[in-house]
Amino acid sequence: MDKIRHNLFQQVGDFPSASVTNGSAAHPDAGESDADLLDAYSRAVVRVVRSVGPAVVSVVVGKNLQGRRGEQMGAGSGVIVAPEGYIMTNNHVVQGAERIEVRAADGTAFPARLAGADPATDLAVLRADTGGLSYVSFGDSRALSVGQLAIAIGNPLGFDSTVSTGVLSALGRALRSRDGRLIENVIQHTAPLNPGNSGGPLVDSRGRVIGINTAIIPMAQSICFSIPSNTAAWVLPQLVADGRVRRGYLGIAGQSQPLERSLIQMLGLTGSQAVEVVSVNRTSPAGRAGLRPGDLIVAINETCVGCVDDLHRFLATWPISEPATLTLIRGRQRIMLPIVPIEAVACPATG
């Protein structure tokens, strides 16, 4: 496990800002200065591509067609994160794959197998039976700034080792994964992506991976998303060790429900919304704890709950089988209810 641990850097490099003076007279060296800046920009991109490019791979998958001969082919991108052959990509790239092949930047192809997947973050790890590979380091996605340079490397539409550049246009976005869970702190950027870029790295000006590209909005221009590097670094060792990310499960289906103002004042509540329990699995932790449809969950371990995503956030970090306390409203009474989360088998999106 130590071999795949990555040191997260605390600072992310930005280009020095150019000073601007007011007045009608142009600076005599303005044109030359602009050229110097463009040259510096170009050199930075070239340096990053030379450094990171050898660690970016094309992921080719084959899926059997039910009831038909042959197989359906798909492709995406990936990035080598450890010299032992561990490769990170998107879960949706390899989901359901019967055969996986990885092609390096130099054209070398080798088979790979799925080491683990986490649909809740749309991340997966492959293991190629080879060693001594070039690999990347993760940067600290918490230290990013809107406007800084972003470089995407991948295989859009089958064109290997394609490079595109842009800037970080927003941080802290939220994006739904295909299983319904909320992926938080997603990076929005303007480095153009196309089908096939999925699973490739988003890199900063120092060659550190700051995100794993995952999605675009069809028909939109330059609205692209990446799973932040800190999320990837958290998921990676769990997928390598266990093949999955362990998350807690309560066994309810719920929906957000606004609270009456009079109820908030009467009970001294801090939030204006709660999670209304719509249904309860009777054999689940919620069923054993005595939750009922119609109960309003307002907190768990004194952490305010206003939507199902708040429960997901808590359960993602709370130790499985460790007792917790739900604060709920039943009728017009506040009730404290002990509950013991169990491990979610298939990452249910209902809490």
Foldseek 3Di string as FASTA:
>chain_A
DVQLAFDADDAFDFDDDDDDDDDDDDDPCVVVVVVVVVVVVVVLVVVLCVQFQQQKKKKKFWADDPPDDDTDIAIAIWGARGQQAKIKFFCVRCPRGPWIWIAGPVGDIFTWDWLAHEQQLRMTIIGTRDGPGRHAHAYDLVNDDWFGKKKAFWQAPNNHGDIFIWTFHDWFDWDAGPLGAIQTGKTWIQGDDHRRSGHTFIAGSVNHGQFGWHDDDPPDHRGTITRGRVVVSVFVVCCNVPRYQWFWDAFFAWFKDFDDPVLCVVVVADDGIWIFTQDGDCVGQNNVQPDDGGKTWQDKQPHGHGGVNVVRVVRSPDDAQDKIWTWIADPSDTDIIITGTHTDPRPRNRD
